[in-house]
């Protein structure tokens, strides 16, 4: 049975993952990726445009399906070897989070809606996933 995940990264980093067909979460940690299995779904939320920037994005920026391969490490530099997982990303429209806040069940306190995203990667209910996917104009398997 498929599970549904939110990952958090700057839009700049998400677009690199989309172009390369991979997910990288929580500054390269492997743990969250090891919980994902083939045919799980992942949606990226981007709080900012650039990593470490103050340039607000606040949009869901990518959606994809986890591939069969296991997580693996990738040497981005001598000192940074993050974990990755292959993903088949789908064409999607980015969507602002604000219009969805009252409808997303994983956001319990609407005044502090950003709190859940601090985890970096977390599982969400299927109904929330489907709401976001529909907003992004992505048809998902029934």
C-alpha atoms as a PDB file:
ATOM      1  CA  UNK A   1       0.000   0.000   0.000  1.00  0.00           C
ATOM      2  CA  UNK A   2       1.383   3.360  -1.057  1.00  0.00           C
ATOM      3  CA  UNK A   3       2.325   5.967   1.502  1.00  0.00           C
ATOM      4  CA  UNK A   4       2.443   9.716   0.954  1.00  0.00           C
ATOM      5  CA  UNK A   5       5.263  12.052   1.947  1.00  0.00           C
ATOM      6  CA  UNK A   6       6.056  15.745   2.138  1.00  0.00           C
ATOM      7  CA  UNK A   7       9.689  16.765   1.770  1.00  0.00           C
ATOM      8  CA  UNK A   8      10.906  20.304   2.407  1.00  0.00           C
ATOM      9  CA  UNK A   9      13.611  21.999   0.342  1.00  0.00           C
ATOM     10  CA  UNK A  10      14.264  25.283  -1.383  1.00  0.00           C
ATOM     11  CA  UNK A  11      12.793  25.534  -4.860  1.00  0.00           C
ATOM     12  CA  UNK A  12      16.322  25.794  -6.253  1.00  0.00           C
ATOM     13  CA  UNK A  13      17.247  22.413  -4.725  1.00  0.00           C
ATOM     14  CA  UNK A  14      13.943  20.809  -5.707  1.00  0.00           C
ATOM     15  CA  UNK A  15      14.487  21.740  -9.353  1.00  0.00           C
ATOM     16  CA  UNK A  16      17.925  20.063  -9.281  1.00  0.00           C
ATOM     17  CA  UNK A  17      16.263  16.905  -7.970  1.00  0.00           C
ATOM     18  CA  UNK A  18      13.524  17.041 -10.585  1.00  0.00           C
ATOM     19  CA  UNK A  19      16.111  17.477 -13.359  1.00  0.00           C
ATOM     20  CA  UNK A  20      18.176  14.579 -11.993  1.00  0.00           C
ATOM     21  CA  UNK A  21      15.258  12.318 -11.074  1.00  0.00           C
ATOM     22  CA  UNK A  22      16.093  12.022  -7.380  1.00  0.00           C
ATOM     23  CA  UNK A  23      14.880  13.017  -3.931  1.00  0.00           C
ATOM     24  CA  UNK A  24      17.255  14.267  -1.279  1.00  0.00           C
ATOM     25  CA  UNK A  25      15.817  15.209   2.113  1.00  0.00           C
ATOM     26  CA  UNK A  26      16.817  16.644   5.482  1.00  0.00           C
ATOM     27  CA  UNK A  27      20.210  17.908   4.319  1.00  0.00           C
ATOM     28  CA  UNK A  28      21.166  14.503   2.942  1.00  0.00           C
ATOM     29  CA  UNK A  29      20.049  12.224   5.764  1.00  0.00           C
ATOM     30  CA  UNK A  30      19.246   8.653   4.749  1.00  0.00           C
ATOM     31  CA  UNK A  31      16.734   7.726   7.452  1.00  0.00           C
ATOM     32  CA  UNK A  32      13.612   9.278   5.912  1.00  0.00           C
ATOM     33  CA  UNK A  33      14.423   7.861   2.477  1.00  0.00           C
ATOM     34  CA  UNK A  34      14.781   4.365   3.940  1.00  0.00           C
ATOM     35  CA  UNK A  35      11.169   4.523   5.161  1.00  0.00           C
ATOM     36  CA  UNK A  36       9.920   5.094   1.614  1.00  0.00           C
ATOM     37  CA  UNK A  37       9.133   2.181  -0.663  1.00  0.00           C
ATOM     38  CA  UNK A  38       8.451   1.673  -4.352  1.00  0.00           C
ATOM     39  CA  UNK A  39       5.254   3.408  -5.510  1.00  0.00           C
ATOM     40  CA  UNK A  40       5.099   5.754  -2.523  1.00  0.00           C
ATOM     41  CA  UNK A  41       4.437   9.365  -3.498  1.00  0.00           C
ATOM     42  CA  UNK A  42       6.432  12.458  -2.564  1.00  0.00           C
ATOM     43  CA  UNK A  43       5.478  16.126  -2.780  1.00  0.00           C
ATOM     44  CA  UNK A  44       8.041  18.857  -2.238  1.00  0.00           C
ATOM     45  CA  UNK A  45       7.157  21.983  -0.319  1.00  0.00           C
ATOM     46  CA  UNK A  46       9.529  24.924  -0.852  1.00  0.00           C
ATOM     47  CA  UNK A  47       9.484  27.597   1.842  1.00  0.00           C
ATOM     48  CA  UNK A  48      12.122  29.625  -0.024  1.00  0.00           C
ATOM     49  CA  UNK A  49      13.415  30.050  -3.560  1.00  0.00           C
ATOM     50  CA  UNK A  50      17.069  29.530  -2.607  1.00  0.00           C
ATOM     51  CA  UNK A  51      18.795  27.483   0.087  1.00  0.00           C
ATOM     52  CA  UNK A  52      19.360  29.620   3.162  1.00  0.00           C
ATOM     53  CA  UNK A  53      17.629  32.556   1.494  1.00  0.00           C
ATOM     54  CA  UNK A  54      14.915  34.822   2.803  1.00  0.00           C
ATOM     55  CA  UNK A  55      13.173  34.877  -0.579  1.00  0.00           C
ATOM     56  CA  UNK A  56       9.803  33.323   0.233  1.00  0.00           C
ATOM     57  CA  UNK A  57       8.367  30.736  -2.119  1.00  0.00           C
ATOM     58  CA  UNK A  58       5.701  28.956   0.024  1.00  0.00           C
ATOM     59  CA  UNK A  59       4.606  26.620  -2.752  1.00  0.00           C
ATOM     60  CA  UNK A  60       4.342  22.928  -3.418  1.00  0.00           C
ATOM     61  CA  UNK A  61       6.901  22.679  -6.201  1.00  0.00           C
ATOM     62  CA  UNK A  62       7.176  19.047  -7.338  1.00  0.00           C
ATOM     63  CA  UNK A  63       5.406  15.706  -7.131  1.00  0.00           C
ATOM     64  CA  UNK A  64       6.634  12.239  -8.000  1.00  0.00           C
ATOM     65  CA  UNK A  65       6.567   8.524  -7.402  1.00  0.00           C
ATOM     66  CA  UNK A  66       9.334   6.653  -5.582  1.00  0.00           C
ATOM     67  CA  UNK A  67      11.161   4.148  -7.795  1.00  0.00           C
ATOM     68  CA  UNK A  68      12.085   0.571  -6.855  1.00  0.00           C
ATOM     69  CA  UNK A  69      15.747   1.304  -6.195  1.00  0.00           C
ATOM     70  CA  UNK A  70      17.077   1.548  -2.654  1.00  0.00           C
ATOM     71  CA  UNK A  71      18.506   4.793  -1.239  1.00  0.00           C
ATOM     72  CA  UNK A  72      22.124   5.417  -2.199  1.00  0.00           C
ATOM     73  CA  UNK A  73      24.864   7.911  -1.420  1.00  0.00           C
ATOM     74  CA  UNK A  74      26.117  10.435  -3.937  1.00  0.00           C
ATOM     75  CA  UNK A  75      29.339  12.420  -3.556  1.00  0.00           C
ATOM     76  CA  UNK A  76      28.402  16.022  -4.273  1.00  0.00           C
ATOM     77  CA  UNK A  77      31.788  17.077  -2.954  1.00  0.00           C
ATOM     78  CA  UNK A  78      34.629  15.576  -0.930  1.00  0.00           C
ATOM     79  CA  UNK A  79      32.935  16.696   2.284  1.00  0.00           C
ATOM     80  CA  UNK A  80      29.253  16.246   1.403  1.00  0.00           C
ATOM     81  CA  UNK A  81      27.956  12.787   0.507  1.00  0.00           C
ATOM     82  CA  UNK A  82      24.166  12.867   0.909  1.00  0.00           C
ATOM     83  CA  UNK A  83      21.650  10.053   0.556  1.00  0.00           C
ATOM     84  CA  UNK A  84      19.318  10.051  -2.434  1.00  0.00           C
ATOM     85  CA  UNK A  85      16.403   8.054  -3.749  1.00  0.00           C
ATOM     86  CA  UNK A  86      15.340   7.819  -7.397  1.00  0.00           C
ATOM     87  CA  UNK A  87      11.962   9.391  -8.177  1.00  0.00           C
ATOM     88  CA  UNK A  88       9.859   9.677 -11.312  1.00  0.00           C
ATOM     89  CA  UNK A  89       8.625  13.262 -11.171  1.00  0.00           C
ATOM     90  CA  UNK A  90       5.452  14.211 -13.009  1.00  0.00           C
ATOM     91  CA  UNK A  91       4.723  17.427 -14.864  1.00  0.00           C
ATOM     92  CA  UNK A  92       2.943  19.666 -12.353  1.00  0.00           C
ATOM     93  CA  UNK A  93       1.915  23.230 -11.693  1.00  0.00           C
ATOM     94  CA  UNK A  94       3.398  24.787  -8.593  1.00  0.00           C
ATOM     95  CA  UNK A  95       0.723  25.765  -6.110  1.00  0.00           C
ATOM     96  CA  UNK A  96       0.760  28.231  -3.212  1.00  0.00           C
ATOM     97  CA  UNK A  97       0.101  26.685   0.177  1.00  0.00           C
ATOM     98  CA  UNK A  98      -2.026  29.502   1.609  1.00  0.00           C
ATOM     99  CA  UNK A  99      -5.281  28.622  -0.238  1.00  0.00           C
ATOM    100  CA  UNK A 100      -4.971  25.009   0.992  1.00  0.00           C
ATOM    101  CA  UNK A 101      -4.241  25.661   4.673  1.00  0.00           C
ATOM    102  CA  UNK A 102      -7.823  25.288   5.930  1.00  0.00           C
ATOM    103  CA  UNK A 103      -8.248  22.024   4.008  1.00  0.00           C
ATOM    104  CA  UNK A 104      -5.038  20.174   4.988  1.00  0.00           C
ATOM    105  CA  UNK A 105      -5.624  17.858   7.938  1.00  0.00           C
ATOM    106  CA  UNK A 106      -1.940  17.534   8.865  1.00  0.00           C
ATOM    107  CA  UNK A 107      -1.883  21.242   9.744  1.00  0.00           C
ATOM    108  CA  UNK A 108      -3.520  21.239  13.156  1.00  0.00           C
ATOM    109  CA  UNK A 109      -2.895  24.846  14.194  1.00  0.00           C
ATOM    110  CA  UNK A 110      -3.699  27.125  11.273  1.00  0.00           C
ATOM    111  CA  UNK A 111      -1.995  30.077  12.999  1.00  0.00           C
ATOM    112  CA  UNK A 112       1.287  28.133  13.177  1.00  0.00           C
ATOM    113  CA  UNK A 113       0.882  26.282   9.902  1.00  0.00           C
ATOM    114  CA  UNK A 114       4.608  26.176   9.188  1.00  0.00           C
ATOM    115  CA  UNK A 115       5.414  24.047  12.228  1.00  0.00           C
ATOM    116  CA  UNK A 116       4.969  20.576  10.620  1.00  0.00           C
ATOM    117  CA  UNK A 117       7.392  21.491   7.832  1.00  0.00           C
ATOM    118  CA  UNK A 118      10.247  21.915  10.312  1.00  0.00           C
ATOM    119  CA  UNK A 119      10.562  18.121  10.349  1.00  0.00           C
ATOM    120  CA  UNK A 120      11.939  18.239   6.803  1.00  0.00           C
ATOM    121  CA  UNK A 121      10.236  15.048   5.668  1.00  0.00           C
ATOM    122  CA  UNK A 122       7.056  13.467   7.003  1.00  0.00           C
ATOM    123  CA  UNK A 123       4.161  11.243   6.060  1.00  0.00           C
ATOM    124  CA  UNK A 124       0.747  12.752   5.311  1.00  0.00           C
ATOM    125  CA  UNK A 125      -2.741  11.261   4.934  1.00  0.00           C
ATOM    126  CA  UNK A 126      -3.824  10.180   1.467  1.00  0.00           C
ATOM    127  CA  UNK A 127      -6.663  12.725   1.424  1.00  0.00           C
ATOM    128  CA  UNK A 128      -4.173  15.568   1.908  1.00  0.00           C
ATOM    129  CA  UNK A 129      -1.920  14.146  -0.789  1.00  0.00           C
ATOM    130  CA  UNK A 130      -4.828  13.957  -3.243  1.00  0.00           C
ATOM    131  CA  UNK A 131      -5.889  17.535  -2.456  1.00  0.00           C
ATOM    132  CA  UNK A 132      -2.400  18.861  -3.144  1.00  0.00           C
ATOM    133  CA  UNK A 133      -1.966  16.705  -6.264  1.00  0.00           C
ATOM    134  CA  UNK A 134      -5.295  17.922  -7.655  1.00  0.00           C
ATOM    135  CA  UNK A 135      -4.286  21.528  -6.937  1.00  0.00           C
ATOM    136  CA  UNK A 136      -1.054  20.874  -8.835  1.00  0.00           C
ATOM    137  CA  UNK A 137      -3.180  19.512 -11.717  1.00  0.00           C
ATOM    138  CA  UNK A 138      -1.681  16.030 -11.418  1.00  0.00           C
ATOM    139  CA  UNK A 139      -3.849  12.951 -11.903  1.00  0.00           C
ATOM    140  CA  UNK A 140      -2.743  10.113  -9.612  1.00  0.00           C
ATOM    141  CA  UNK A 141      -3.589   6.418  -9.717  1.00  0.00           C
ATOM    142  CA  UNK A 142      -6.898   5.561  -8.102  1.00  0.00           C
END
